[in-house]
Amino acid sequence: MPRTKLPPPEWLHPKIQEYWRLGLGDTRIVEEIVKDIAQHPEYSNGKYSISIPGVYRARRTIGLLGTRQRVMAGLGDDFRPLAEKLKREHPKVGARTMVAYLLREHGMKVSEQRVLEYFQELRRKDGAKTCSSPPSSSAEPQGATEHGTNANIMAQPATIMSEFSSW
């Protein structure tokens, strides 16, 4: 049987970028591209195929790195200027929204934990600007050190504001 090859880059790369921005992993990207190849009459003749390593190599060529790959390449903190800009425009944006925004708009995969650490760093800087003394450890809710960052979030009272709350 003759050897198959990857579809042309001018067809393949936009497909990989599209599926990457939707948050699909390499395995799902392969599944979707195989479907696309089957639907495309020019490529469905059995001459073209794709595999997980093929998607991985194509992603690296395009510059789409995964979360760990970004850290290993020394690009782990390059999301900060974009996050700072979005945080200025929308001060109440959360970590999950920030992660989704970075992936959708800039093609950056950043872990939610890294974004949470960045938010805590911003909060500490803002606290240092507003008061001259560092915050005391007694202000921290009990058990927050045991359970990490989520304990601080869970200890705060939740207030849900809705545009329909005035009805």
C-alpha atoms as a PDB file:
ATOM      1  CA  MET A   1       0.000   0.000   0.000  1.00  0.00           C
ATOM      2  CA  PRO A   2       1.412   3.430  -0.880  1.00  0.00           C
ATOM      3  CA  ARG A   3       2.454   5.685   1.935  1.00  0.00           C
ATOM      4  CA  THR A   4       0.033   8.470   2.861  1.00  0.00           C
ATOM      5  CA  LYS A   5       1.095  11.980   3.705  1.00  0.00           C
ATOM      6  CA  LEU A   6      -0.224  15.039   5.480  1.00  0.00           C
ATOM      7  CA  PRO A   7      -2.597  17.327   3.607  1.00  0.00           C
ATOM      8  CA  PRO A   8      -1.031  20.544   2.271  1.00  0.00           C
ATOM      9  CA  PRO A   9      -0.109  23.040   5.032  1.00  0.00           C
ATOM     10  CA  GLU A  10      -2.260  25.802   3.512  1.00  0.00           C
ATOM     11  CA  TRP A  11      -5.300  23.566   4.116  1.00  0.00           C
ATOM     12  CA  LEU A  12      -4.153  21.791   7.288  1.00  0.00           C
ATOM     13  CA  HIS A  13      -2.799  24.661   9.405  1.00  0.00           C
ATOM     14  CA  PRO A  14      -6.022  26.744   9.483  1.00  0.00           C
ATOM     15  CA  LYS A  15      -7.963  23.611  10.489  1.00  0.00           C
ATOM     16  CA  ILE A  16      -5.540  22.877  13.332  1.00  0.00           C
ATOM     17  CA  GLN A  17      -5.711  26.505  14.502  1.00  0.00           C
ATOM     18  CA  GLU A  18      -9.511  26.448  14.424  1.00  0.00           C
ATOM     19  CA  TYR A  19      -9.772  23.265  16.477  1.00  0.00           C
ATOM     20  CA  TRP A  20      -6.990  24.395  18.842  1.00  0.00           C
ATOM     21  CA  ARG A  21      -8.852  27.619  19.596  1.00  0.00           C
ATOM     22  CA  LEU A  22     -11.937  25.546  20.390  1.00  0.00           C
ATOM     23  CA  GLY A  23      -9.872  23.888  23.115  1.00  0.00           C
ATOM     24  CA  LEU A  24      -9.575  20.443  21.531  1.00  0.00           C
ATOM     25  CA  GLY A  25      -6.607  18.224  22.306  1.00  0.00           C
ATOM     26  CA  ASP A  26      -4.447  16.540  19.684  1.00  0.00           C
ATOM     27  CA  THR A  27      -6.509  13.326  19.671  1.00  0.00           C
ATOM     28  CA  ARG A  28      -9.778  15.182  19.051  1.00  0.00           C
ATOM     29  CA  ILE A  29      -8.093  17.389  16.428  1.00  0.00           C
ATOM     30  CA  VAL A  30      -7.030  14.235  14.571  1.00  0.00           C
ATOM     31  CA  GLU A  31     -10.599  12.895  14.704  1.00  0.00           C
ATOM     32  CA  GLU A  32     -12.046  16.144  13.355  1.00  0.00           C
ATOM     33  CA  ILE A  33      -9.453  16.494  10.588  1.00  0.00           C
ATOM     34  CA  VAL A  34     -10.021  12.882   9.507  1.00  0.00           C
ATOM     35  CA  LYS A  35     -13.719  13.787   9.142  1.00  0.00           C
ATOM     36  CA  ASP A  36     -12.754  16.924   7.190  1.00  0.00           C
ATOM     37  CA  ILE A  37     -10.487  14.905   4.890  1.00  0.00           C
ATOM     38  CA  ALA A  38     -13.334  12.445   4.233  1.00  0.00           C
ATOM     39  CA  GLN A  39     -15.700  15.314   3.340  1.00  0.00           C
ATOM     40  CA  HIS A  40     -13.227  17.127   1.099  1.00  0.00           C
ATOM     41  CA  PRO A  41     -13.400  15.542  -2.382  1.00  0.00           C
ATOM     42  CA  GLU A  42      -9.861  16.553  -3.325  1.00  0.00           C
ATOM     43  CA  TYR A  43      -8.303  14.888  -0.270  1.00  0.00           C
ATOM     44  CA  SER A  44     -10.630  11.908   0.298  1.00  0.00           C
ATOM     45  CA  ASN A  45      -8.932   9.687  -2.309  1.00  0.00           C
ATOM     46  CA  GLY A  46      -6.847   7.910   0.350  1.00  0.00           C
ATOM     47  CA  LYS A  47      -3.671   9.788  -0.481  1.00  0.00           C
ATOM     48  CA  TYR A  48      -3.772  11.924   2.686  1.00  0.00           C
ATOM     49  CA  SER A  49      -4.038  11.020   6.353  1.00  0.00           C
ATOM     50  CA  ILE A  50      -3.051  12.439   9.711  1.00  0.00           C
ATOM     51  CA  SER A  51      -1.943  11.113  13.086  1.00  0.00           C
ATOM     52  CA  ILE A  52      -1.415  12.527  16.565  1.00  0.00           C
ATOM     53  CA  PRO A  53       2.336  13.052  15.996  1.00  0.00           C
ATOM     54  CA  GLY A  54       1.479  14.779  12.700  1.00  0.00           C
ATOM     55  CA  VAL A  55      -0.826  17.220  14.495  1.00  0.00           C
ATOM     56  CA  TYR A  56       1.799  17.750  17.196  1.00  0.00           C
ATOM     57  CA  ARG A  57       4.490  18.584  14.619  1.00  0.00           C
ATOM     58  CA  ALA A  58       2.129  20.884  12.704  1.00  0.00           C
ATOM     59  CA  ARG A  59       1.156  22.695  15.933  1.00  0.00           C
ATOM     60  CA  ARG A  60       4.805  23.285  16.785  1.00  0.00           C
ATOM     61  CA  THR A  61       5.411  24.612  13.261  1.00  0.00           C
ATOM     62  CA  ILE A  62       2.514  27.055  13.661  1.00  0.00           C
ATOM     63  CA  GLY A  63       3.635  28.028  17.176  1.00  0.00           C
ATOM     64  CA  LEU A  64       0.690  26.590  19.116  1.00  0.00           C
ATOM     65  CA  LEU A  65       2.214  25.270  22.323  1.00  0.00           C
ATOM     66  CA  GLY A  66       0.461  23.453  25.145  1.00  0.00           C
ATOM     67  CA  THR A  67       0.563  24.662  28.739  1.00  0.00           C
ATOM     68  CA  ARG A  68       3.593  22.605  29.751  1.00  0.00           C
ATOM     69  CA  GLN A  69       5.348  23.217  26.442  1.00  0.00           C
ATOM     70  CA  ARG A  70       5.009  26.977  27.000  1.00  0.00           C
ATOM     71  CA  VAL A  71       6.592  26.697  30.446  1.00  0.00           C
ATOM     72  CA  MET A  72       9.417  24.490  29.182  1.00  0.00           C
ATOM     73  CA  ALA A  73      10.103  26.942  26.348  1.00  0.00           C
ATOM     74  CA  GLY A  74      10.386  29.795  28.866  1.00  0.00           C
ATOM     75  CA  LEU A  75       7.134  31.382  27.698  1.00  0.00           C
ATOM     76  CA  GLY A  76       5.153  30.612  30.848  1.00  0.00           C
ATOM     77  CA  ASP A  77       4.716  34.244  31.901  1.00  0.00           C
ATOM     78  CA  ASP A  78       4.204  35.923  28.538  1.00  0.00           C
ATOM     79  CA  PHE A  79       0.442  35.967  29.160  1.00  0.00           C
ATOM     80  CA  ARG A  80       0.819  38.619  31.884  1.00  0.00           C
ATOM     81  CA  PRO A  81       0.596  41.774  29.702  1.00  0.00           C
ATOM     82  CA  LEU A  82      -2.542  40.440  28.026  1.00  0.00           C
ATOM     83  CA  ALA A  83      -4.040  39.408  31.364  1.00  0.00           C
ATOM     84  CA  GLU A  84      -3.220  42.796  32.875  1.00  0.00           C
ATOM     85  CA  LYS A  85      -4.919  44.574  29.977  1.00  0.00           C
ATOM     86  CA  LEU A  86      -8.053  42.437  30.278  1.00  0.00           C
ATOM     87  CA  LYS A  87      -8.060  42.827  34.076  1.00  0.00           C
ATOM     88  CA  ARG A  88      -7.949  46.632  33.696  1.00  0.00           C
ATOM     89  CA  GLU A  89     -10.861  46.560  31.249  1.00  0.00           C
ATOM     90  CA  HIS A  90     -12.866  43.993  33.243  1.00  0.00           C
ATOM     91  CA  PRO A  91     -11.744  44.017  36.896  1.00  0.00           C
ATOM     92  CA  LYS A  92     -14.113  41.243  37.984  1.00  0.00           C
ATOM     93  CA  VAL A  93     -12.992  38.706  35.383  1.00  0.00           C
ATOM     94  CA  GLY A  94     -12.228  35.286  36.853  1.00  0.00           C
ATOM     95  CA  ALA A  95      -9.471  32.794  36.173  1.00  0.00           C
ATOM     96  CA  ARG A  96     -11.548  30.473  33.977  1.00  0.00           C
ATOM     97  CA  THR A  97     -12.756  33.349  31.848  1.00  0.00           C
ATOM     98  CA  MET A  98      -9.178  34.588  31.562  1.00  0.00           C
ATOM     99  CA  VAL A  99      -7.949  31.133  30.477  1.00  0.00           C
ATOM    100  CA  ALA A 100     -10.719  30.892  27.864  1.00  0.00           C
ATOM    101  CA  TYR A 101      -9.987  34.422  26.609  1.00  0.00           C
ATOM    102  CA  LEU A 102      -6.255  33.760  26.247  1.00  0.00           C
ATOM    103  CA  LEU A 103      -6.921  30.571  24.304  1.00  0.00           C
ATOM    104  CA  ARG A 104      -9.675  31.966  22.089  1.00  0.00           C
ATOM    105  CA  GLU A 105      -8.216  35.366  21.283  1.00  0.00           C
ATOM    106  CA  HIS A 106      -4.461  34.737  21.448  1.00  0.00           C
ATOM    107  CA  GLY A 107      -4.039  30.978  21.009  1.00  0.00           C
ATOM    108  CA  MET A 108      -2.283  30.681  24.386  1.00  0.00           C
ATOM    109  CA  LYS A 109      -2.888  27.732  26.664  1.00  0.00           C
ATOM    110  CA  VAL A 110      -2.268  28.832  30.239  1.00  0.00           C
ATOM    111  CA  SER A 111      -3.153  26.790  33.304  1.00  0.00           C
ATOM    112  CA  GLU A 112      -5.876  28.083  35.570  1.00  0.00           C
ATOM    113  CA  GLN A 113      -3.526  27.678  38.546  1.00  0.00           C
ATOM    114  CA  ARG A 114      -0.961  29.996  36.926  1.00  0.00           C
ATOM    115  CA  VAL A 115      -3.664  32.621  36.329  1.00  0.00           C
ATOM    116  CA  LEU A 116      -4.854  32.313  39.944  1.00  0.00           C
ATOM    117  CA  GLU A 117      -1.290  32.830  41.171  1.00  0.00           C
ATOM    118  CA  TYR A 118      -1.035  35.911  38.965  1.00  0.00           C
ATOM    119  CA  PHE A 119      -4.312  37.283  40.389  1.00  0.00           C
ATOM    120  CA  GLN A 120      -3.012  36.772  43.935  1.00  0.00           C
ATOM    121  CA  GLU A 121       0.164  38.611  42.998  1.00  0.00           C
ATOM    122  CA  LEU A 122      -1.915  41.521  41.669  1.00  0.00           C
ATOM    123  CA  ARG A 123      -3.996  41.518  44.854  1.00  0.00           C
ATOM    124  CA  ARG A 124      -0.832  41.684  46.985  1.00  0.00           C
ATOM    125  CA  LYS A 125       0.484  44.607  44.913  1.00  0.00           C
ATOM    126  CA  ASP A 126      -2.832  46.446  45.243  1.00  0.00           C
ATOM    127  CA  GLY A 127      -2.825  45.779  48.997  1.00  0.00           C
ATOM    128  CA  ALA A 128       0.702  47.172  49.302  1.00  0.00           C
ATOM    129  CA  LYS A 129      -0.333  50.352  47.487  1.00  0.00           C
ATOM    130  CA  THR A 130      -3.393  50.993  49.663  1.00  0.00           C
ATOM    131  CA  CYS A 131      -1.861  50.332  53.086  1.00  0.00           C
ATOM    132  CA  SER A 132       1.636  50.909  54.340  1.00  0.00           C
ATOM    133  CA  SER A 133       1.803  47.837  56.584  1.00  0.00           C
ATOM    134  CA  PRO A 134       1.616  44.311  55.235  1.00  0.00           C
ATOM    135  CA  PRO A 135      -1.624  42.456  55.901  1.00  0.00           C
ATOM    136  CA  SER A 136      -1.580  40.472  59.128  1.00  0.00           C
ATOM    137  CA  SER A 137      -1.866  36.715  59.077  1.00  0.00           C
ATOM    138  CA  SER A 138      -4.854  36.937  61.440  1.00  0.00           C
ATOM    139  CA  ALA A 139      -6.928  38.413  58.607  1.00  0.00           C
ATOM    140  CA  GLU A 140      -6.610  35.131  56.715  1.00  0.00           C
ATOM    141  CA  PRO A 141      -9.598  32.834  57.215  1.00  0.00           C
ATOM    142  CA  GLN A 142      -8.971  29.826  59.411  1.00  0.00           C
ATOM    143  CA  GLY A 143      -8.033  26.774  57.369  1.00  0.00           C
ATOM    144  CA  ALA A 144      -6.959  28.779  54.325  1.00  0.00           C
ATOM    145  CA  THR A 145      -3.390  27.558  54.594  1.00  0.00           C
ATOM    146  CA  GLU A 146      -4.550  23.954  54.857  1.00  0.00           C
ATOM    147  CA  HIS A 147      -6.600  24.010  51.681  1.00  0.00           C
ATOM    148  CA  GLY A 148      -4.668  26.414  49.470  1.00  0.00           C
ATOM    149  CA  THR A 149      -6.177  29.201  47.410  1.00  0.00           C
ATOM    150  CA  ASN A 150      -9.710  27.814  47.224  1.00  0.00           C
ATOM    151  CA  ALA A 151     -10.187  28.192  50.984  1.00  0.00           C
ATOM    152  CA  ASN A 152      -9.771  31.964  50.672  1.00  0.00           C
ATOM    153  CA  ILE A 153     -12.349  32.044  47.924  1.00  0.00           C
ATOM    154  CA  MET A 154     -14.776  29.800  49.781  1.00  0.00           C
ATOM    155  CA  ALA A 155     -14.443  31.779  53.039  1.00  0.00           C
ATOM    156  CA  GLN A 156     -15.709  34.967  51.424  1.00  0.00           C
ATOM    157  CA  PRO A 157     -19.476  35.508  51.347  1.00  0.00           C
ATOM    158  CA  ALA A 158     -20.959  35.030  47.910  1.00  0.00           C
ATOM    159  CA  THR A 159     -23.108  37.801  46.491  1.00  0.00           C
ATOM    160  CA  ILE A 160     -24.790  37.162  43.196  1.00  0.00           C
ATOM    161  CA  MET A 161     -25.926  40.210  41.285  1.00  0.00           C
ATOM    162  CA  SER A 162     -28.240  39.709  38.370  1.00  0.00           C
ATOM    163  CA  GLU A 163     -29.872  42.101  35.965  1.00  0.00           C
ATOM    164  CA  PHE A 164     -33.123  40.339  36.859  1.00  0.00           C
ATOM    165  CA  SER A 165     -32.730  40.743  40.629  1.00  0.00           C
ATOM    166  CA  SER A 166     -34.802  43.943  40.619  1.00  0.00           C
ATOM    167  CA  TRP A 167     -37.929  42.089  39.426  1.00  0.00           C
END
